[in-house]
Amino acid sequence: MSENLQDQTCKACEGYEDPLTESDIEAFKTRVHTEWTVSEDTKRIKRSFSFPNFASALEFVNTVGEIAEKEGHHPDIELTYGNVVVHLSTHSIGGLSENDFIMAAKIDEQYDS
């Protein structure tokens, strides 16, 4: 786990992989922004992002969409005026995978740069 997550590529999930364990999730959480939170059922992570206006928020959503298409791993996104909430989960395995944290790191890089 020494390589930066944002430099990794999401791997295709076939649906037979096991979701990350709670200890794996805790280890991956240390590698993304502290504002990512894990759902109580440990099946999703989410982060809220603030923007000065709707246009900036929409531009960010489009950037996240481009990353998602490139990685083949698509988040659920909520867009409101000046706010974006990104939810990540690996639906095919019913929980979290390394891909979710790779995407989180790539999204962090866009927002925090």
PDB file of N, CA and C in Angstrom:
ATOM      1  N   MET A   1       0.818  -1.209   0.000  1.00  0.00           N
ATOM      2  CA  MET A   1       0.000   0.000   0.000  1.00  0.00           C
ATOM      3  C   MET A   1       0.856   1.266   0.000  1.00  0.00           C
ATOM      4  N   SER A   2       2.032   1.230  -0.574  1.00  0.00           N
ATOM      5  CA  SER A   2       2.886   2.400  -0.551  1.00  0.00           C
ATOM      6  C   SER A   2       2.577   3.383  -1.677  1.00  0.00           C
ATOM      7  N   GLU A   3       2.054   2.905  -2.794  1.00  0.00           N
ATOM      8  CA  GLU A   3       1.751   3.782  -3.916  1.00  0.00           C
ATOM      9  C   GLU A   3       0.574   4.703  -3.563  1.00  0.00           C
ATOM     10  N   ASN A   4       0.667   5.970  -4.032  1.00  0.00           N
ATOM     11  CA  ASN A   4      -0.435   6.899  -3.805  1.00  0.00           C
ATOM     12  C   ASN A   4      -1.688   6.389  -4.505  1.00  0.00           C
ATOM     13  N   LEU A   5      -2.809   6.445  -3.821  1.00  0.00           N
ATOM     14  CA  LEU A   5      -4.061   5.948  -4.403  1.00  0.00           C
ATOM     15  C   LEU A   5      -4.424   6.685  -5.678  1.00  0.00           C
ATOM     16  N   GLN A   6      -4.196   7.999  -5.711  1.00  0.00           N
ATOM     17  CA  GLN A   6      -4.595   8.765  -6.893  1.00  0.00           C
ATOM     18  C   GLN A   6      -3.795   8.385  -8.132  1.00  0.00           C
ATOM     19  N   ASP A   7      -2.677   7.683  -7.935  1.00  0.00           N
ATOM     20  CA  ASP A   7      -1.867   7.229  -9.068  1.00  0.00           C
ATOM     21  C   ASP A   7      -2.231   5.821  -9.529  1.00  0.00           C
ATOM     22  N   GLN A   8      -3.150   5.180  -8.816  1.00  0.00           N
ATOM     23  CA  GLN A   8      -3.568   3.829  -9.175  1.00  0.00           C
ATOM     24  C   GLN A   8      -4.774   3.876 -10.112  1.00  0.00           C
ATOM     25  N   THR A   9      -5.089   2.748 -10.685  1.00  0.00           N
ATOM     26  CA  THR A   9      -6.229   2.618 -11.593  1.00  0.00           C
ATOM     27  C   THR A   9      -7.225   1.641 -10.995  1.00  0.00           C
ATOM     28  N   CYS A  10      -8.497   1.951 -11.116  1.00  0.00           N
ATOM     29  CA  CYS A  10      -9.531   1.037 -10.639  1.00  0.00           C
ATOM     30  C   CYS A  10      -9.481  -0.260 -11.435  1.00  0.00           C
ATOM     31  N   LYS A  11      -9.705  -1.354 -10.732  1.00  0.00           N
ATOM     32  CA  LYS A  11      -9.707  -2.676 -11.361  1.00  0.00           C
ATOM     33  C   LYS A  11     -11.156  -3.158 -11.489  1.00  0.00           C
ATOM     34  N   ALA A  12     -11.450  -3.789 -12.579  1.00  0.00           N
ATOM     35  CA  ALA A  12     -12.810  -4.286 -12.801  1.00  0.00           C
ATOM     36  C   ALA A  12     -13.187  -5.300 -11.720  1.00  0.00           C
ATOM     37  N   CYS A  13     -14.382  -5.150 -11.180  1.00  0.00           N
ATOM     38  CA  CYS A  13     -14.904  -6.113 -10.200  1.00  0.00           C
ATOM     39  C   CYS A  13     -15.850  -7.061 -10.920  1.00  0.00           C
ATOM     40  N   GLU A  14     -15.680  -8.320 -10.659  1.00  0.00           N
ATOM     41  CA  GLU A  14     -16.509  -9.337 -11.290  1.00  0.00           C
ATOM     42  C   GLU A  14     -17.737  -9.671 -10.440  1.00  0.00           C
ATOM     43  N   GLY A  15     -17.757  -9.187  -9.197  1.00  0.00           N
ATOM     44  CA  GLY A  15     -18.895  -9.449  -8.323  1.00  0.00           C
ATOM     45  C   GLY A  15     -18.681 -10.583  -7.350  1.00  0.00           C
ATOM     46  N   TYR A  16     -17.591 -11.295  -7.465  1.00  0.00           N
ATOM     47  CA  TYR A  16     -17.328 -12.402  -6.537  1.00  0.00           C
ATOM     48  C   TYR A  16     -16.316 -12.019  -5.457  1.00  0.00           C
ATOM     49  N   GLU A  17     -15.735 -10.807  -5.573  1.00  0.00           N
ATOM     50  CA  GLU A  17     -14.773 -10.361  -4.574  1.00  0.00           C
ATOM     51  C   GLU A  17     -15.491 -10.048  -3.264  1.00  0.00           C
ATOM     52  N   ASP A  18     -14.781 -10.190  -2.168  1.00  0.00           N
ATOM     53  CA  ASP A  18     -15.343  -9.812  -0.875  1.00  0.00           C
ATOM     54  C   ASP A  18     -15.180  -8.313  -0.659  1.00  0.00           C
ATOM     55  N   PRO A  19     -16.169  -7.681  -0.025  1.00  0.00           N
ATOM     56  CA  PRO A  19     -15.996  -6.270   0.339  1.00  0.00           C
ATOM     57  C   PRO A  19     -14.845  -6.137   1.336  1.00  0.00           C
ATOM     58  N   LEU A  20     -14.306  -4.942   1.435  1.00  0.00           N
ATOM     59  CA  LEU A  20     -13.247  -4.686   2.404  1.00  0.00           C
ATOM     60  C   LEU A  20     -13.746  -4.942   3.824  1.00  0.00           C
ATOM     61  N   THR A  21     -12.856  -5.421   4.662  1.00  0.00           N
ATOM     62  CA  THR A  21     -13.173  -5.601   6.078  1.00  0.00           C
ATOM     63  C   THR A  21     -13.111  -4.237   6.775  1.00  0.00           C
ATOM     64  N   GLU A  22     -13.627  -4.173   7.980  1.00  0.00           N
ATOM     65  CA  GLU A  22     -13.575  -2.916   8.727  1.00  0.00           C
ATOM     66  C   GLU A  22     -12.137  -2.452   8.935  1.00  0.00           C
ATOM     67  N   SER A  23     -11.216  -3.377   9.194  1.00  0.00           N
ATOM     68  CA  SER A  23      -9.818  -2.977   9.394  1.00  0.00           C
ATOM     69  C   SER A  23      -9.204  -2.486   8.086  1.00  0.00           C
ATOM     70  N   ASP A  24      -9.569  -3.104   6.957  1.00  0.00           N
ATOM     71  CA  ASP A  24      -9.098  -2.621   5.655  1.00  0.00           C
ATOM     72  C   ASP A  24      -9.630  -1.212   5.394  1.00  0.00           C
ATOM     73  N   ILE A  25     -10.901  -1.009   5.701  1.00  0.00           N
ATOM     74  CA  ILE A  25     -11.520   0.303   5.497  1.00  0.00           C
ATOM     75  C   ILE A  25     -10.792   1.357   6.312  1.00  0.00           C
ATOM     76  N   GLU A  26     -10.498   1.055   7.563  1.00  0.00           N
ATOM     77  CA  GLU A  26      -9.787   2.005   8.419  1.00  0.00           C
ATOM     78  C   GLU A  26      -8.410   2.326   7.847  1.00  0.00           C
ATOM     79  N   ALA A  27      -7.728   1.333   7.308  1.00  0.00           N
ATOM     80  CA  ALA A  27      -6.410   1.572   6.712  1.00  0.00           C
ATOM     81  C   ALA A  27      -6.523   2.459   5.473  1.00  0.00           C
ATOM     82  N   PHE A  28      -7.505   2.194   4.626  1.00  0.00           N
ATOM     83  CA  PHE A  28      -7.686   3.014   3.427  1.00  0.00           C
ATOM     84  C   PHE A  28      -8.137   4.426   3.783  1.00  0.00           C
ATOM     85  N   LYS A  29      -8.933   4.571   4.822  1.00  0.00           N
ATOM     86  CA  LYS A  29      -9.412   5.904   5.224  1.00  0.00           C
ATOM     87  C   LYS A  29      -8.259   6.850   5.535  1.00  0.00           C
ATOM     88  N   THR A  30      -7.146   6.319   6.019  1.00  0.00           N
ATOM     89  CA  THR A  30      -6.000   7.172   6.344  1.00  0.00           C
ATOM     90  C   THR A  30      -5.313   7.699   5.092  1.00  0.00           C
ATOM     91  N   ARG A  31      -5.692   7.178   3.943  1.00  0.00           N
ATOM     92  CA  ARG A  31      -5.040   7.549   2.686  1.00  0.00           C
ATOM     93  C   ARG A  31      -5.854   8.509   1.830  1.00  0.00           C
ATOM     94  N   VAL A  32      -7.026   8.924   2.350  1.00  0.00           N
ATOM     95  CA  VAL A  32      -7.857   9.911   1.656  1.00  0.00           C
ATOM     96  C   VAL A  32      -8.149  11.057   2.620  1.00  0.00           C
ATOM     97  N   HIS A  33      -8.774  12.109   2.114  1.00  0.00           N
ATOM     98  CA  HIS A  33      -9.093  13.272   2.941  1.00  0.00           C
ATOM     99  C   HIS A  33      -9.934  12.857   4.141  1.00  0.00           C
ATOM    100  N   THR A  34      -9.702  13.506   5.256  1.00  0.00           N
ATOM    101  CA  THR A  34     -10.403  13.153   6.497  1.00  0.00           C
ATOM    102  C   THR A  34     -11.903  13.412   6.445  1.00  0.00           C
ATOM    103  N   GLU A  35     -12.375  14.171   5.464  1.00  0.00           N
ATOM    104  CA  GLU A  35     -13.811  14.449   5.379  1.00  0.00           C
ATOM    105  C   GLU A  35     -14.617  13.309   4.751  1.00  0.00           C
ATOM    106  N   TRP A  36     -13.946  12.289   4.227  1.00  0.00           N
ATOM    107  CA  TRP A  36     -14.677  11.111   3.753  1.00  0.00           C
ATOM    108  C   TRP A  36     -15.171  10.357   4.973  1.00  0.00           C
ATOM    109  N   THR A  37     -16.456  10.044   4.988  1.00  0.00           N
ATOM    110  CA  THR A  37     -17.030   9.303   6.113  1.00  0.00           C
ATOM    111  C   THR A  37     -17.557   7.963   5.626  1.00  0.00           C
ATOM    112  N   VAL A  38     -17.505   6.992   6.516  1.00  0.00           N
ATOM    113  CA  VAL A  38     -17.978   5.641   6.210  1.00  0.00           C
ATOM    114  C   VAL A  38     -19.383   5.495   6.782  1.00  0.00           C
ATOM    115  N   SER A  39     -20.287   4.932   6.002  1.00  0.00           N
ATOM    116  CA  SER A  39     -21.653   4.705   6.482  1.00  0.00           C
ATOM    117  C   SER A  39     -21.634   3.695   7.627  1.00  0.00           C
ATOM    118  N   GLU A  40     -22.684   3.723   8.441  1.00  0.00           N
ATOM    119  CA  GLU A  40     -22.755   2.821   9.590  1.00  0.00           C
ATOM    120  C   GLU A  40     -22.684   1.354   9.186  1.00  0.00           C
ATOM    121  N   ASP A  41     -23.225   1.027   8.021  1.00  0.00           N
ATOM    122  CA  ASP A  41     -23.193  -0.367   7.571  1.00  0.00           C
ATOM    123  C   ASP A  41     -21.906  -0.709   6.817  1.00  0.00           C
ATOM    124  N   THR A  42     -20.974   0.231   6.753  1.00  0.00           N
ATOM    125  CA  THR A  42     -19.658   0.115   6.095  1.00  0.00           C
ATOM    126  C   THR A  42     -19.760  -0.253   4.611  1.00  0.00           C
ATOM    127  N   LYS A  43     -20.858   0.117   3.963  1.00  0.00           N
ATOM    128  CA  LYS A  43     -21.032  -0.211   2.547  1.00  0.00           C
ATOM    129  C   LYS A  43     -20.782   0.971   1.620  1.00  0.00           C
ATOM    130  N   ARG A  44     -20.608   2.177   2.196  1.00  0.00           N
ATOM    131  CA  ARG A  44     -20.434   3.374   1.380  1.00  0.00           C
ATOM    132  C   ARG A  44     -19.521   4.361   2.100  1.00  0.00           C
ATOM    133  N   ILE A  45     -18.862   5.200   1.283  1.00  0.00           N
ATOM    134  CA  ILE A  45     -18.184   6.374   1.827  1.00  0.00           C
ATOM    135  C   ILE A  45     -18.759   7.591   1.123  1.00  0.00           C
ATOM    136  N   LYS A  46     -18.708   8.731   1.802  1.00  0.00           N
ATOM    137  CA  LYS A  46     -19.216   9.950   1.172  1.00  0.00           C
ATOM    138  C   LYS A  46     -18.431  11.151   1.666  1.00  0.00           C
ATOM    139  N   ARG A  47     -18.464  12.184   0.840  1.00  0.00           N
ATOM    140  CA  ARG A  47     -17.847  13.460   1.199  1.00  0.00           C
ATOM    141  C   ARG A  47     -18.654  14.577   0.566  1.00  0.00           C
ATOM    142  N   SER A  48     -18.796  15.681   1.299  1.00  0.00           N
ATOM    143  CA  SER A  48     -19.451  16.884   0.794  1.00  0.00           C
ATOM    144  C   SER A  48     -18.392  17.889   0.356  1.00  0.00           C
ATOM    145  N   PHE A  49     -18.679  18.591  -0.717  1.00  0.00           N
ATOM    146  CA  PHE A  49     -17.782  19.603  -1.266  1.00  0.00           C
ATOM    147  C   PHE A  49     -18.565  20.901  -1.421  1.00  0.00           C
ATOM    148  N   SER A  50     -17.976  22.021  -1.018  1.00  0.00           N
ATOM    149  CA  SER A  50     -18.643  23.324  -1.091  1.00  0.00           C
ATOM    150  C   SER A  50     -18.031  24.181  -2.191  1.00  0.00           C
ATOM    151  N   PHE A  51     -18.897  24.969  -2.839  1.00  0.00           N
ATOM    152  CA  PHE A  51     -18.493  25.839  -3.938  1.00  0.00           C
ATOM    153  C   PHE A  51     -19.201  27.179  -3.799  1.00  0.00           C
ATOM    154  N   PRO A  52     -18.648  28.227  -4.409  1.00  0.00           N
ATOM    155  CA  PRO A  52     -19.256  29.553  -4.263  1.00  0.00           C
ATOM    156  C   PRO A  52     -20.556  29.734  -5.043  1.00  0.00           C
ATOM    157  N   ASN A  53     -20.807  28.842  -6.026  1.00  0.00           N
ATOM    158  CA  ASN A  53     -22.017  29.004  -6.839  1.00  0.00           C
ATOM    159  C   ASN A  53     -22.347  27.693  -7.549  1.00  0.00           C
ATOM    160  N   PHE A  54     -23.465  27.694  -8.242  1.00  0.00           N
ATOM    161  CA  PHE A  54     -23.926  26.495  -8.937  1.00  0.00           C
ATOM    162  C   PHE A  54     -22.983  26.108 -10.072  1.00  0.00           C
ATOM    163  N   ALA A  55     -22.516  27.102 -10.828  1.00  0.00           N
ATOM    164  CA  ALA A  55     -21.660  26.803 -11.981  1.00  0.00           C
ATOM    165  C   ALA A  55     -20.378  26.086 -11.550  1.00  0.00           C
ATOM    166  N   SER A  56     -19.783  26.508 -10.455  1.00  0.00           N
ATOM    167  CA  SER A  56     -18.562  25.859  -9.958  1.00  0.00           C
ATOM    168  C   SER A  56     -18.849  24.438  -9.502  1.00  0.00           C
ATOM    169  N   ALA A  57     -19.981  24.260  -8.842  1.00  0.00           N
ATOM    170  CA  ALA A  57     -20.365  22.923  -8.383  1.00  0.00           C
ATOM    171  C   ALA A  57     -20.603  22.003  -9.580  1.00  0.00           C
ATOM    172  N   LEU A  58     -21.270  22.506 -10.591  1.00  0.00           N
ATOM    173  CA  LEU A  58     -21.539  21.719 -11.795  1.00  0.00           C
ATOM    174  C   LEU A  58     -20.242  21.361 -12.523  1.00  0.00           C
ATOM    175  N   GLU A  59     -19.317  22.290 -12.590  1.00  0.00           N
ATOM    176  CA  GLU A  59     -18.025  22.016 -13.225  1.00  0.00           C
ATOM    177  C   GLU A  59     -17.306  20.872 -12.494  1.00  0.00           C
ATOM    178  N   PHE A  60     -17.370  20.884 -11.166  1.00  0.00           N
ATOM    179  CA  PHE A  60     -16.761  19.821 -10.376  1.00  0.00           C
ATOM    180  C   PHE A  60     -17.439  18.482 -10.658  1.00  0.00           C
ATOM    181  N   VAL A  61     -18.772  18.480 -10.724  1.00  0.00           N
ATOM    182  CA  VAL A  61     -19.503  17.250 -11.037  1.00  0.00           C
ATOM    183  C   VAL A  61     -19.059  16.699 -12.388  1.00  0.00           C
ATOM    184  N   ASN A  62     -18.907  17.566 -13.365  1.00  0.00           N
ATOM    185  CA  ASN A  62     -18.463  17.116 -14.684  1.00  0.00           C
ATOM    186  C   ASN A  62     -17.048  16.545 -14.631  1.00  0.00           C
ATOM    187  N   THR A  63     -16.190  17.148 -13.825  1.00  0.00           N
ATOM    188  CA  THR A  63     -14.829  16.627 -13.658  1.00  0.00           C
ATOM    189  C   THR A  63     -14.862  15.247 -13.013  1.00  0.00           C
ATOM    190  N   VAL A  64     -15.679  15.098 -11.976  1.00  0.00           N
ATOM    191  CA  VAL A  64     -15.819  13.792 -11.320  1.00  0.00           C
ATOM    192  C   VAL A  64     -16.365  12.772 -12.321  1.00  0.00           C
ATOM    193  N   GLY A  65     -17.304  13.182 -13.154  1.00  0.00           N
ATOM    194  CA  GLY A  65     -17.857  12.295 -14.172  1.00  0.00           C
ATOM    195  C   GLY A  65     -16.804  11.827 -15.158  1.00  0.00           C
ATOM    196  N   GLU A  66     -15.908  12.724 -15.554  1.00  0.00           N
ATOM    197  CA  GLU A  66     -14.827  12.345 -16.468  1.00  0.00           C
ATOM    198  C   GLU A  66     -13.895  11.325 -15.816  1.00  0.00           C
ATOM    199  N   ILE A  67     -13.570  11.539 -14.550  1.00  0.00           N
ATOM    200  CA  ILE A  67     -12.727  10.582 -13.823  1.00  0.00           C
ATOM    201  C   ILE A  67     -13.434   9.229 -13.755  1.00  0.00           C
ATOM    202  N   ALA A  68     -14.722   9.251 -13.424  1.00  0.00           N
ATOM    203  CA  ALA A  68     -15.499   8.017 -13.294  1.00  0.00           C
ATOM    204  C   ALA A  68     -15.522   7.238 -14.607  1.00  0.00           C
ATOM    205  N   GLU A  69     -15.707   7.930 -15.707  1.00  0.00           N
ATOM    206  CA  GLU A  69     -15.724   7.255 -17.012  1.00  0.00           C
ATOM    207  C   GLU A  69     -14.366   6.647 -17.318  1.00  0.00           C
ATOM    208  N   LYS A  70     -13.307   7.392 -17.037  1.00  0.00           N
ATOM    209  CA  LYS A  70     -11.956   6.885 -17.297  1.00  0.00           C
ATOM    210  C   LYS A  70     -11.655   5.654 -16.453  1.00  0.00           C
ATOM    211  N   GLU A  71     -12.099   5.672 -15.188  1.00  0.00           N
ATOM    212  CA  GLU A  71     -11.809   4.579 -14.260  1.00  0.00           C
ATOM    213  C   GLU A  71     -12.821   3.442 -14.344  1.00  0.00           C
ATOM    214  N   GLY A  72     -13.966   3.680 -14.974  1.00  0.00           N
ATOM    215  CA  GLY A  72     -15.002   2.655 -15.023  1.00  0.00           C
ATOM    216  C   GLY A  72     -15.616   2.376 -13.662  1.00  0.00           C
ATOM    217  N   HIS A  73     -15.623   3.387 -12.813  1.00  0.00           N
ATOM    218  CA  HIS A  73     -16.175   3.242 -11.454  1.00  0.00           C
ATOM    219  C   HIS A  73     -16.977   4.503 -11.160  1.00  0.00           C
ATOM    220  N   HIS A  74     -18.291   4.362 -11.050  1.00  0.00           N
ATOM    221  CA  HIS A  74     -19.188   5.510 -11.064  1.00  0.00           C
ATOM    222  C   HIS A  74     -19.843   5.777  -9.710  1.00  0.00           C
ATOM    223  N   PRO A  75     -19.645   6.982  -9.178  1.00  0.00           N
ATOM    224  CA  PRO A  75     -20.247   7.341  -7.894  1.00  0.00           C
ATOM    225  C   PRO A  75     -21.695   7.793  -8.064  1.00  0.00           C
ATOM    226  N   ASP A  76     -22.385   7.874  -6.948  1.00  0.00           N
ATOM    227  CA  ASP A  76     -23.671   8.562  -6.901  1.00  0.00           C
ATOM    228  C   ASP A  76     -23.349   9.992  -6.489  1.00  0.00           C
ATOM    229  N   ILE A  77     -23.941  10.955  -7.184  1.00  0.00           N
ATOM    230  CA  ILE A  77     -23.604  12.358  -6.961  1.00  0.00           C
ATOM    231  C   ILE A  77     -24.876  13.161  -6.725  1.00  0.00           C
ATOM    232  N   GLU A  78     -24.859  13.986  -5.679  1.00  0.00           N
ATOM    233  CA  GLU A  78     -25.935  14.936  -5.403  1.00  0.00           C
ATOM    234  C   GLU A  78     -25.403  16.337  -5.710  1.00  0.00           C
ATOM    235  N   LEU A  79     -26.148  17.104  -6.487  1.00  0.00           N
ATOM    236  CA  LEU A  79     -25.757  18.463  -6.857  1.00  0.00           C
ATOM    237  C   LEU A  79     -26.841  19.436  -6.426  1.00  0.00           C
ATOM    238  N   THR A  80     -26.461  20.395  -5.603  1.00  0.00           N
ATOM    239  CA  THR A  80     -27.349  21.492  -5.238  1.00  0.00           C
ATOM    240  C   THR A  80     -26.550  22.785  -5.371  1.00  0.00           C
ATOM    241  N   TYR A  81     -27.202  23.892  -5.185  1.00  0.00           N
ATOM    242  CA  TYR A  81     -26.508  25.167  -5.340  1.00  0.00           C
ATOM    243  C   TYR A  81     -25.300  25.228  -4.395  1.00  0.00           C
ATOM    244  N   GLY A  82     -24.107  25.271  -4.961  1.00  0.00           N
ATOM    245  CA  GLY A  82     -22.892  25.424  -4.178  1.00  0.00           C
ATOM    246  C   GLY A  82     -22.483  24.212  -3.367  1.00  0.00           C
ATOM    247  N   ASN A  83     -23.099  23.067  -3.613  1.00  0.00           N
ATOM    248  CA  ASN A  83     -22.752  21.887  -2.822  1.00  0.00           C
ATOM    249  C   ASN A  83     -22.841  20.628  -3.685  1.00  0.00           C
ATOM    250  N   VAL A  84     -21.870  19.747  -3.495  1.00  0.00           N
ATOM    251  CA  VAL A  84     -21.854  18.452  -4.158  1.00  0.00           C
ATOM    252  C   VAL A  84     -21.562  17.404  -3.100  1.00  0.00           C
ATOM    253  N   VAL A  85     -22.346  16.331  -3.103  1.00  0.00           N
ATOM    254  CA  VAL A  85     -22.078  15.203  -2.216  1.00  0.00           C
ATOM    255  C   VAL A  85     -21.804  13.996  -3.102  1.00  0.00           C
ATOM    256  N   VAL A  86     -20.658  13.362  -2.859  1.00  0.00           N
ATOM    257  CA  VAL A  86     -20.259  12.191  -3.637  1.00  0.00           C
ATOM    258  C   VAL A  86     -20.344  10.968  -2.734  1.00  0.00           C
ATOM    259  N   HIS A  87     -21.040   9.948  -3.213  1.00  0.00           N
ATOM    260  CA  HIS A  87     -21.173   8.667  -2.509  1.00  0.00           C
ATOM    261  C   HIS A  87     -20.461   7.610  -3.346  1.00  0.00           C
ATOM    262  N   LEU A  88     -19.589   6.833  -2.712  1.00  0.00           N
ATOM    263  CA  LEU A  88     -18.868   5.768  -3.404  1.00  0.00           C
ATOM    264  C   LEU A  88     -19.160   4.426  -2.760  1.00  0.00           C
ATOM    265  N   SER A  89     -19.390   3.433  -3.596  1.00  0.00           N
ATOM    266  CA  SER A  89     -19.627   2.065  -3.162  1.00  0.00           C
ATOM    267  C   SER A  89     -19.397   1.169  -4.368  1.00  0.00           C
ATOM    268  N   THR A  90     -19.050  -0.061  -4.110  1.00  0.00           N
ATOM    269  CA  THR A  90     -18.921  -1.023  -5.205  1.00  0.00           C
ATOM    270  C   THR A  90     -20.167  -1.892  -5.177  1.00  0.00           C
ATOM    271  N   HIS A  91     -21.138  -1.501  -5.972  1.00  0.00           N
ATOM    272  CA  HIS A  91     -22.457  -2.141  -5.946  1.00  0.00           C
ATOM    273  C   HIS A  91     -22.387  -3.637  -6.249  1.00  0.00           C
ATOM    274  N   SER A  92     -21.473  -4.031  -7.138  1.00  0.00           N
ATOM    275  CA  SER A  92     -21.413  -5.436  -7.550  1.00  0.00           C
ATOM    276  C   SER A  92     -21.022  -6.374  -6.413  1.00  0.00           C
ATOM    277  N   ILE A  93     -20.373  -5.841  -5.364  1.00  0.00           N
ATOM    278  CA  ILE A  93     -19.993  -6.688  -4.223  1.00  0.00           C
ATOM    279  C   ILE A  93     -20.747  -6.303  -2.954  1.00  0.00           C
ATOM    280  N   GLY A  94     -21.617  -5.305  -3.060  1.00  0.00           N
ATOM    281  CA  GLY A  94     -22.435  -4.913  -1.914  1.00  0.00           C
ATOM    282  C   GLY A  94     -21.650  -4.291  -0.770  1.00  0.00           C
ATOM    283  N   GLY A  95     -20.606  -3.569  -1.107  1.00  0.00           N
ATOM    284  CA  GLY A  95     -19.804  -2.934  -0.066  1.00  0.00           C
ATOM    285  C   GLY A  95     -18.696  -2.098  -0.661  1.00  0.00           C
ATOM    286  N   LEU A  96     -17.648  -1.907   0.105  1.00  0.00           N
ATOM    287  CA  LEU A  96     -16.525  -1.087  -0.328  1.00  0.00           C
ATOM    288  C   LEU A  96     -15.389  -1.940  -0.876  1.00  0.00           C
ATOM    289  N   SER A  97     -14.732  -1.395  -1.894  1.00  0.00           N
ATOM    290  CA  SER A  97     -13.539  -2.028  -2.460  1.00  0.00           C
ATOM    291  C   SER A  97     -12.439  -0.980  -2.525  1.00  0.00           C
ATOM    292  N   GLU A  98     -11.255  -1.425  -2.870  1.00  0.00           N
ATOM    293  CA  GLU A  98     -10.138  -0.494  -3.040  1.00  0.00           C
ATOM    294  C   GLU A  98     -10.487   0.567  -4.086  1.00  0.00           C
ATOM    295  N   ASN A  99     -11.281   0.201  -5.100  1.00  0.00           N
ATOM    296  CA  ASN A  99     -11.681   1.157  -6.133  1.00  0.00           C
ATOM    297  C   ASN A  99     -12.346   2.398  -5.553  1.00  0.00           C
ATOM    298  N   ASP A 100     -13.151   2.228  -4.511  1.00  0.00           N
ATOM    299  CA  ASP A 100     -13.838   3.369  -3.914  1.00  0.00           C
ATOM    300  C   ASP A 100     -12.839   4.366  -3.336  1.00  0.00           C
ATOM    301  N   PHE A 101     -11.781   3.862  -2.743  1.00  0.00           N
ATOM    302  CA  PHE A 101     -10.780   4.737  -2.164  1.00  0.00           C
ATOM    303  C   PHE A 101      -9.859   5.329  -3.228  1.00  0.00           C
ATOM    304  N   ILE A 102      -9.627   4.592  -4.305  1.00  0.00           N
ATOM    305  CA  ILE A 102      -8.878   5.152  -5.433  1.00  0.00           C
ATOM    306  C   ILE A 102      -9.663   6.331  -6.006  1.00  0.00           C
ATOM    307  N   MET A 103     -10.954   6.138  -6.226  1.00  0.00           N
ATOM    308  CA  MET A 103     -11.794   7.229  -6.730  1.00  0.00           C
ATOM    309  C   MET A 103     -11.817   8.399  -5.756  1.00  0.00           C
ATOM    310  N   ALA A 104     -11.938   8.122  -4.467  1.00  0.00           N
ATOM    311  CA  ALA A 104     -11.948   9.193  -3.464  1.00  0.00           C
ATOM    312  C   ALA A 104     -10.664  10.011  -3.544  1.00  0.00           C
ATOM    313  N   ALA A 105      -9.526   9.343  -3.668  1.00  0.00           N
ATOM    314  CA  ALA A 105      -8.245  10.047  -3.754  1.00  0.00           C
ATOM    315  C   ALA A 105      -8.163  10.887  -5.022  1.00  0.00           C
ATOM    316  N   LYS A 106      -8.660  10.366  -6.133  1.00  0.00           N
ATOM    317  CA  LYS A 106      -8.644  11.112  -7.389  1.00  0.00           C
ATOM    318  C   LYS A 106      -9.567  12.332  -7.303  1.00  0.00           C
ATOM    319  N   ILE A 107     -10.702  12.182  -6.656  1.00  0.00           N
ATOM    320  CA  ILE A 107     -11.630  13.297  -6.467  1.00  0.00           C
ATOM    321  C   ILE A 107     -11.009  14.321  -5.523  1.00  0.00           C
ATOM    322  N   ASP A 108     -10.394  13.862  -4.444  1.00  0.00           N
ATOM    323  CA  ASP A 108      -9.711  14.774  -3.522  1.00  0.00           C
ATOM    324  C   ASP A 108      -8.691  15.626  -4.270  1.00  0.00           C
ATOM    325  N   GLU A 109      -7.932  14.982  -5.134  1.00  0.00           N
ATOM    326  CA  GLU A 109      -6.878  15.670  -5.876  1.00  0.00           C
ATOM    327  C   GLU A 109      -7.459  16.823  -6.705  1.00  0.00           C
ATOM    328  N   GLN A 110      -8.636  16.624  -7.291  1.00  0.00           N
ATOM    329  CA  GLN A 110      -9.276  17.668  -8.082  1.00  0.00           C
ATOM    330  C   GLN A 110      -9.784  18.814  -7.219  1.00  0.00           C
ATOM    331  N   TYR A 111     -10.332  18.482  -6.066  1.00  0.00           N
ATOM    332  CA  TYR A 111     -10.929  19.506  -5.200  1.00  0.00           C
ATOM    333  C   TYR A 111      -9.874  20.245  -4.388  1.00  0.00           C
ATOM    334  N   ASP A 112      -8.897  19.521  -3.900  1.00  0.00           N
ATOM    335  CA  ASP A 112      -7.933  20.096  -2.972  1.00  0.00           C
ATOM    336  C   ASP A 112      -6.732  20.736  -3.661  1.00  0.00           C
ATOM    337  N   SER A 113      -6.720  20.709  -4.988  1.00  0.00           N
ATOM    338  CA  SER A 113      -5.561  21.276  -5.684  1.00  0.00           C
ATOM    339  C   SER A 113      -5.677  22.778  -5.862  1.00  0.00           C
TER     340      SER A 113
END
